[in-house]
Amino acid sequence: MAILCSFAYLGVCMSDQEQERLAALSRYEIMDTEPQEAFDRITRLTKAVLRMPMVLVNMIDKDRQWFLSRQGVSEREVPRRDSSFCIHAIRQTEPLVVTDTQKDERFAQNPRVVGEPKVRFYVGVPLRSREGFNIGTLCSMDTRTRQLTSEQINILRDLGRLVVDELELRLLANADSLTGAMSRSYFHAEAAREIARAKVSGRELSCALIDIDHFKSINDTHGHGVGDLMLQRVVATCKAQLRAADSIGRIGGEEFAVLLPDAPRESALEIVERMRKAVAAMEVEESSRKIGVTVSIGLTTRTDEEDIAPVLKRADAAVYSAKSSGRNRVVYVCDDKSAASDVAA
């Protein structure tokens, strides 16, 4: 059966927002996975509740639409196409309901309306990531006109939220339980994926190592409860300064690593310096006292490394230089043979 849901690719150069949307989709690491019962259960339930022949969980990628789950549809993916239903659905926050496609000028000439499967009705809810980007849709289609009740539309909304909740749960399984940063193992897996992408695209990949200054003293003086809160606040503060494509992982007690895809030296420096300043400005309250903290950051850019270990080793040397130079600063190293340069404090 032919598929109607498609998403227009607007222009040769993607906007920053579209790049961030694609990064949000990529973070779920769901594309090209095997069929999964958790999502198939949702589409089966959608089909039963709405009594429609076609249901999709449709993830909108750069140049294709990939169906995470499907009912009544044979294809697993289709190219992104102009003049589609899903491009309209993904552009809005509310469900898109097209009660009669032949009477809607936006879709009356759609090939999936005038040709097979002769779709007459469409409803789709956007799947909104935690960053606020619509990464796809939960949509249902029929070959006859329909009218949905407000209750049915609300049920579809809830089912769409269940799709996103399931995606988020899968991320949590790979997260550090205290801070929400990536676990060490998942960070290394993500780094391998980013290195593979960098090799294909030819774009630069930078990596930062963040170490909280005098963290042992914070634990000894204020207790581990305050120390844990400080770790949580530092990660949240750093995340707020990162782009959607960036990733942060906890690789040690008070040590975190950040992947900065498509970030050469200058842009990477700008990002990590924002993080350093934001952390230095934050405070944690404990027993009416305000406790501040700083971080030392080592930064480097991948050259031709095949894995993340030598990149992290170089960033670690930069952290050591930052701490030796007085802490609360960013130090950048180019490669294993270059001297560390103190670039911000």
Protein backbone atom coordinates (compact mmCIF):
# COMPACT_ATOMS: atom_id res chain seq x y z
CA MET A 1 0.00 0.00 0.00
CA ALA A 2 1.35 3.41 -0.90
CA ILE A 3 2.15 5.86 1.89
CA LEU A 4 0.96 9.42 2.09
CA CYS A 5 2.89 10.90 5.03
CA SER A 6 5.87 12.88 3.89
CA PHE A 7 7.83 15.92 4.89
CA ALA A 8 9.08 18.65 2.62
CA TYR A 9 12.75 19.45 2.59
CA LEU A 10 12.79 23.20 2.44
CA GLY A 11 15.86 24.52 0.72
CA VAL A 12 19.37 23.19 0.27
CA CYS A 13 20.75 24.60 3.49
CA MET A 14 18.99 23.54 6.65
CA SER A 15 18.06 26.17 9.17
CA ASP A 16 19.60 26.07 12.63
CA GLN A 17 16.23 25.00 13.99
CA GLU A 18 16.03 22.07 11.59
CA GLN A 19 19.55 21.00 12.51
CA GLU A 20 18.58 21.08 16.17
CA ARG A 21 15.41 19.12 15.43
CA LEU A 22 17.43 16.44 13.64
CA ALA A 23 19.89 16.36 16.53
CA ALA A 24 16.99 15.81 18.95
CA LEU A 25 15.80 12.90 16.79
CA SER A 26 19.31 11.47 16.57
CA ARG A 27 19.71 11.49 20.34
CA TYR A 28 17.03 8.83 20.71
CA GLU A 29 19.10 6.40 18.57
CA ILE A 30 15.88 4.84 17.31
CA MET A 31 16.34 5.00 13.54
CA ASP A 32 16.76 1.68 11.69
CA THR A 33 16.07 -0.42 14.78
CA GLU A 34 14.11 -3.66 14.66
CA PRO A 35 10.33 -3.57 15.27
CA GLN A 36 9.62 -3.11 18.96
CA GLU A 37 6.57 -4.37 20.79
CA ALA A 38 6.30 -1.27 23.00
CA PHE A 39 5.60 0.92 19.97
CA ASP A 40 3.61 -1.69 18.04
CA ARG A 41 1.29 -1.94 21.03
CA ILE A 42 0.58 1.78 20.74
CA THR A 43 -0.21 1.66 17.01
CA ARG A 44 -2.43 -1.40 17.48
CA LEU A 45 -4.31 0.41 20.21
CA THR A 46 -4.61 3.53 18.03
CA LYS A 47 -6.02 1.47 15.18
CA ALA A 48 -8.57 -0.18 17.49
CA VAL A 49 -9.67 3.03 19.20
CA LEU A 50 -10.03 5.06 16.00
CA ARG A 51 -11.18 2.12 13.83
CA MET A 52 -8.92 3.12 10.96
CA PRO A 53 -6.95 0.91 8.56
CA MET A 54 -3.61 2.78 8.64
CA VAL A 55 -1.55 3.96 11.63
CA LEU A 56 2.08 5.09 11.73
CA VAL A 57 4.67 6.26 14.20
CA ASN A 58 6.52 8.33 11.65
CA MET A 59 10.01 9.69 12.42
CA ILE A 60 11.00 12.57 10.13
CA ASP A 61 14.69 12.38 9.22
CA LYS A 62 16.79 14.62 6.99
CA ASP A 63 15.86 13.00 3.69
CA ARG A 64 13.45 10.24 4.59
CA GLN A 65 10.55 9.22 6.76
CA TRP A 66 11.15 6.09 8.79
CA PHE A 67 8.27 4.21 10.37
CA LEU A 68 9.10 3.16 13.91
CA SER A 69 5.81 1.26 13.98
CA ARG A 70 3.13 0.72 11.35
CA GLN A 71 -0.28 -0.89 10.98
CA GLY A 72 -1.86 -1.43 7.56
CA VAL A 73 1.25 -0.16 5.78
CA SER A 74 3.86 -2.33 4.06
CA GLU A 75 6.77 0.10 3.57
CA ARG A 76 9.30 0.66 6.36
CA GLU A 77 10.41 4.05 5.05
CA VAL A 78 9.73 6.54 2.24
CA PRO A 79 11.59 9.60 0.96
CA ARG A 80 10.64 13.05 2.18
CA ARG A 81 8.26 14.59 -0.31
CA ASP A 82 6.68 17.98 -0.95
CA SER A 83 2.96 18.66 -0.43
CA SER A 84 2.32 16.23 2.37
CA PHE A 85 0.19 15.82 5.46
CA CYS A 86 3.01 15.31 7.94
CA ILE A 87 4.82 18.52 7.11
CA HIS A 88 1.73 20.38 8.28
CA ALA A 89 1.32 18.17 11.35
CA ILE A 90 4.92 18.60 12.46
CA ARG A 91 4.74 22.37 12.14
CA GLN A 92 2.08 22.76 14.79
CA THR A 93 1.52 21.87 18.41
CA GLU A 94 -2.11 20.77 18.08
CA PRO A 95 -3.36 17.67 16.24
CA LEU A 96 -3.89 18.07 12.50
CA VAL A 97 -7.32 16.78 11.46
CA VAL A 98 -8.29 16.66 7.78
CA THR A 99 -11.87 15.44 7.65
CA ASP A 100 -12.11 15.35 3.85
CA THR A 101 -8.85 15.58 1.93
CA GLN A 102 -10.62 16.22 -1.39
CA LYS A 103 -12.20 19.40 -0.02
CA ASP A 104 -9.01 20.72 1.56
CA GLU A 105 -7.06 22.80 -0.99
CA ARG A 106 -3.78 21.96 0.78
CA PHE A 107 -4.16 18.27 -0.01
CA ALA A 108 -6.75 17.89 -2.80
CA GLN A 109 -4.02 17.28 -5.40
CA ASN A 110 -1.86 15.12 -3.17
CA PRO A 111 -0.97 11.96 -5.17
CA ARG A 112 -2.04 9.82 -2.20
CA VAL A 113 -5.46 11.49 -2.40
CA VAL A 114 -6.03 11.37 -6.15
CA GLY A 115 -4.28 7.99 -6.45
CA GLU A 116 -3.88 4.93 -4.26
CA PRO A 117 -4.65 4.44 -1.44
CA LYS A 118 -7.12 7.32 -2.07
CA VAL A 119 -6.87 8.76 1.42
CA ARG A 120 -9.92 10.78 2.42
CA PHE A 121 -9.17 11.32 6.11
CA TYR A 122 -6.00 12.11 8.07
CA VAL A 123 -5.27 12.83 11.72
CA GLY A 124 -1.82 13.29 13.19
CA VAL A 125 -0.32 14.48 16.45
CA PRO A 126 3.26 15.78 16.60
CA LEU A 127 5.75 13.87 18.74
CA ARG A 128 7.48 16.57 20.76
CA SER A 129 10.91 15.87 22.26
CA ARG A 130 11.95 17.09 25.68
CA GLU A 131 13.90 19.88 23.94
CA GLY A 132 10.67 21.07 22.32
CA PHE A 133 11.25 19.79 18.77
CA ASN A 134 8.66 17.86 16.78
CA ILE A 135 10.61 14.78 15.70
CA GLY A 136 7.74 12.95 14.02
CA THR A 137 4.06 12.10 14.21
CA LEU A 138 1.63 9.50 15.40
CA CYS A 139 -0.86 9.53 12.53
CA SER A 140 -3.84 7.58 11.31
CA MET A 141 -5.53 7.50 7.90
CA ASP A 142 -8.72 6.22 6.34
CA THR A 143 -10.06 5.82 2.80
CA ARG A 144 -13.38 7.42 3.75
CA THR A 145 -14.30 10.73 5.35
CA ARG A 146 -14.51 10.77 9.10
CA GLN A 147 -15.45 12.92 12.07
CA LEU A 148 -13.61 12.40 15.35
CA THR A 149 -14.96 13.28 18.75
CA SER A 150 -12.94 15.45 21.11
CA GLU A 151 -12.52 12.37 23.30
CA GLN A 152 -10.94 10.41 20.43
CA ILE A 153 -8.56 13.28 19.65
CA ASN A 154 -7.55 13.51 23.31
CA ILE A 155 -6.89 9.77 23.35
CA LEU A 156 -4.67 10.17 20.28
CA ARG A 157 -2.80 12.96 22.07
CA ASP A 158 -2.24 10.67 25.05
CA LEU A 159 -1.03 7.86 22.81
CA GLY A 160 1.41 10.26 21.16
CA ARG A 161 2.73 11.20 24.60
CA LEU A 162 3.19 7.51 25.35
CA VAL A 163 5.41 7.20 22.28
CA VAL A 164 7.63 10.05 23.52
CA ASP A 165 7.58 8.68 27.09
CA GLU A 166 8.82 5.33 25.80
CA LEU A 167 11.63 7.06 23.89
CA GLU A 168 12.58 9.00 27.01
CA LEU A 169 12.58 5.86 29.17
CA ARG A 170 15.08 4.30 26.81
CA LEU A 171 17.32 7.32 27.26
CA LEU A 172 17.03 7.12 31.05
CA ALA A 173 18.32 3.57 30.96
CA ASN A 174 21.54 5.03 29.56
CA ALA A 175 21.75 7.95 32.00
CA ASP A 176 23.60 8.52 35.24
CA SER A 177 20.95 8.16 37.95
CA LEU A 178 22.14 11.14 40.00
CA THR A 179 22.84 13.83 37.42
CA GLY A 180 20.93 12.76 34.31
CA ALA A 181 24.11 12.98 32.24
CA MET A 182 24.95 10.03 30.00
CA SER A 183 26.46 7.05 31.77
CA ARG A 184 30.13 6.39 31.10
CA SER A 185 29.43 3.41 28.84
CA TYR A 186 26.71 5.20 26.89
CA PHE A 187 28.92 8.28 26.48
CA HIS A 188 31.64 6.12 24.92
CA ALA A 189 29.06 4.55 22.60
CA GLU A 190 27.78 8.00 21.61
CA ALA A 191 31.37 9.17 21.06
CA ALA A 192 31.96 6.24 18.68
CA ARG A 193 28.87 7.24 16.71
CA GLU A 194 29.94 10.88 16.55
CA ILE A 195 33.43 9.94 15.39
CA ALA A 196 31.91 7.80 12.63
CA ARG A 197 29.72 10.73 11.57
CA ALA A 198 32.70 13.10 11.64
CA LYS A 199 34.71 10.75 9.42
CA VAL A 200 31.91 10.65 6.85
CA SER A 201 31.05 14.37 6.93
CA GLY A 202 34.59 15.69 7.27
CA ARG A 203 33.41 18.04 9.99
CA GLU A 204 35.34 18.67 13.17
CA LEU A 205 34.45 17.06 16.50
CA SER A 206 35.62 18.73 19.69
CA CYS A 207 35.63 17.23 23.16
CA ALA A 208 35.76 18.91 26.56
CA LEU A 209 36.57 17.42 29.94
CA ILE A 210 35.07 19.20 32.96
CA ASP A 211 36.40 18.76 36.49
CA ILE A 212 34.75 20.44 39.49
CA ASP A 213 37.32 22.40 41.47
CA HIS A 214 37.85 21.46 45.15
CA PHE A 215 34.92 19.03 45.08
CA LYS A 216 36.35 16.86 47.86
CA SER A 217 36.44 19.92 50.09
CA ILE A 218 32.76 20.58 49.38
CA ASN A 219 31.88 17.02 50.41
CA ASP A 220 34.07 17.15 53.51
CA THR A 221 32.81 20.56 54.64
CA HIS A 222 29.12 20.45 53.73
CA GLY A 223 28.36 16.75 53.44
CA HIS A 224 27.63 14.40 50.57
CA GLY A 225 24.04 15.62 50.26
CA VAL A 226 25.28 19.06 49.27
CA GLY A 227 27.92 17.44 47.07
CA ASP A 228 25.25 15.49 45.21
CA LEU A 229 23.15 18.61 44.77
CA MET A 230 26.20 20.44 43.44
CA LEU A 231 26.79 17.71 40.86
CA GLN A 232 23.17 17.94 39.72
CA ARG A 233 23.29 21.72 39.48
CA VAL A 234 26.58 21.73 37.57
CA VAL A 235 25.24 19.29 34.97
CA ALA A 236 21.96 21.20 34.61
CA THR A 237 23.86 24.47 34.24
CA CYS A 238 26.20 23.02 31.61
CA LYS A 239 23.32 21.46 29.67
CA ALA A 240 21.61 24.85 29.49
CA GLN A 241 24.63 26.21 27.59
CA LEU A 242 24.90 23.34 25.12
CA ARG A 243 23.38 23.02 21.68
CA ALA A 244 20.84 20.31 20.92
CA ALA A 245 23.49 18.27 19.09
CA ASP A 246 25.92 18.29 22.04
CA SER A 247 26.16 15.52 24.66
CA ILE A 248 27.41 15.42 28.23
CA GLY A 249 28.37 12.28 30.13
CA ARG A 250 29.57 11.51 33.64
CA ILE A 251 32.84 9.60 33.37
CA GLY A 252 34.06 9.96 36.94
CA GLY A 253 32.99 11.12 40.38
CA GLU A 254 33.13 14.84 39.66
CA GLU A 255 34.36 14.60 36.10
CA PHE A 256 32.22 15.05 33.00
CA ALA A 257 32.92 14.89 29.29
CA VAL A 258 31.18 16.85 26.53
CA LEU A 259 30.97 16.00 22.84
CA LEU A 260 30.72 19.00 20.52
CA PRO A 261 29.93 17.83 16.95
CA ASP A 262 30.62 20.19 14.06
CA ALA A 263 32.50 22.52 16.42
CA PRO A 264 35.97 23.68 15.39
CA ARG A 265 38.25 25.38 17.90
CA GLU A 266 36.67 28.83 18.07
CA SER A 267 33.04 27.74 18.32
CA ALA A 268 33.95 25.00 20.82
CA LEU A 269 35.81 27.54 22.94
CA GLU A 270 32.78 29.81 22.91
CA ILE A 271 30.52 27.01 24.14
CA VAL A 272 32.77 25.77 26.96
CA GLU A 273 33.57 29.29 28.12
CA ARG A 274 29.82 29.92 28.44
CA MET A 275 29.62 26.79 30.59
CA ARG A 276 32.52 27.86 32.78
CA LYS A 277 31.05 31.31 33.39
CA ALA A 278 27.56 29.92 34.06
CA VAL A 279 28.88 27.46 36.64
CA ALA A 280 30.96 30.16 38.34
CA ALA A 281 27.81 32.31 38.62
CA MET A 282 25.59 29.60 40.15
CA GLU A 283 25.12 28.97 43.86
CA VAL A 284 23.68 26.18 45.98
CA GLU A 285 21.89 27.10 49.21
CA GLU A 286 22.47 25.02 52.33
CA SER A 287 21.33 26.02 55.83
CA SER A 288 20.95 29.66 54.77
CA ARG A 289 24.44 29.64 53.28
CA LYS A 290 25.20 30.06 49.61
CA ILE A 291 27.91 27.79 48.26
CA GLY A 292 29.62 28.54 44.98
CA VAL A 293 31.80 26.36 42.79
CA THR A 294 34.03 26.60 39.74
CA VAL A 295 35.18 24.16 37.09
CA SER A 296 38.40 23.59 35.19
CA ILE A 297 37.88 22.58 31.57
CA GLY A 298 40.22 20.90 29.12
CA LEU A 299 39.29 21.18 25.45
CA THR A 300 40.62 19.58 22.30
CA THR A 301 39.53 18.79 18.77
CA ARG A 302 39.69 15.37 17.16
CA THR A 303 42.31 15.01 14.44
CA ASP A 304 42.32 11.53 12.87
CA GLU A 305 41.59 9.39 15.93
CA GLU A 306 39.46 6.28 15.39
CA ASP A 307 38.10 6.24 18.95
CA ILE A 308 37.53 8.63 21.82
CA ALA A 309 40.23 7.35 24.23
CA PRO A 310 43.17 9.39 22.87
CA VAL A 311 40.93 12.46 22.55
CA LEU A 312 39.89 12.18 26.21
CA LYS A 313 43.52 11.63 27.21
CA ARG A 314 44.48 14.88 25.50
CA ALA A 315 41.56 16.73 27.11
CA ASP A 316 42.60 15.31 30.49
CA ALA A 317 46.08 16.75 30.05
CA ALA A 318 44.45 20.11 29.34
CA VAL A 319 42.39 19.83 32.55
CA TYR A 320 45.57 19.15 34.51
CA SER A 321 47.11 22.27 32.98
CA ALA A 322 44.00 24.30 33.86
CA LYS A 323 44.16 23.20 37.48
CA SER A 324 47.91 23.82 37.67
CA SER A 325 47.35 27.32 36.31
CA GLY A 326 44.92 28.33 39.06
CA ARG A 327 41.64 26.53 38.23
CA ASN A 328 38.38 28.12 36.99
CA ARG A 329 39.65 28.32 33.45
CA VAL A 330 39.55 26.70 30.02
CA VAL A 331 42.69 25.27 28.46
CA TYR A 332 42.83 24.12 24.85
CA VAL A 333 45.31 21.68 23.30
CA CYS A 334 45.53 21.01 19.57
CA ASP A 335 47.21 17.60 19.55
CA ASP A 336 49.50 15.39 21.60
CA LYS A 337 52.60 17.32 20.52
CA SER A 338 51.30 20.83 21.19
CA ALA A 339 51.58 22.73 24.45
CA ALA A 340 48.42 23.59 26.32
CA SER A 341 47.25 27.15 25.86
CA ASP A 342 45.36 28.95 28.61
CA VAL A 343 42.59 30.60 26.63
CA ALA A 344 40.07 31.76 29.25
CA ALA A 345 39.88 32.40 32.95
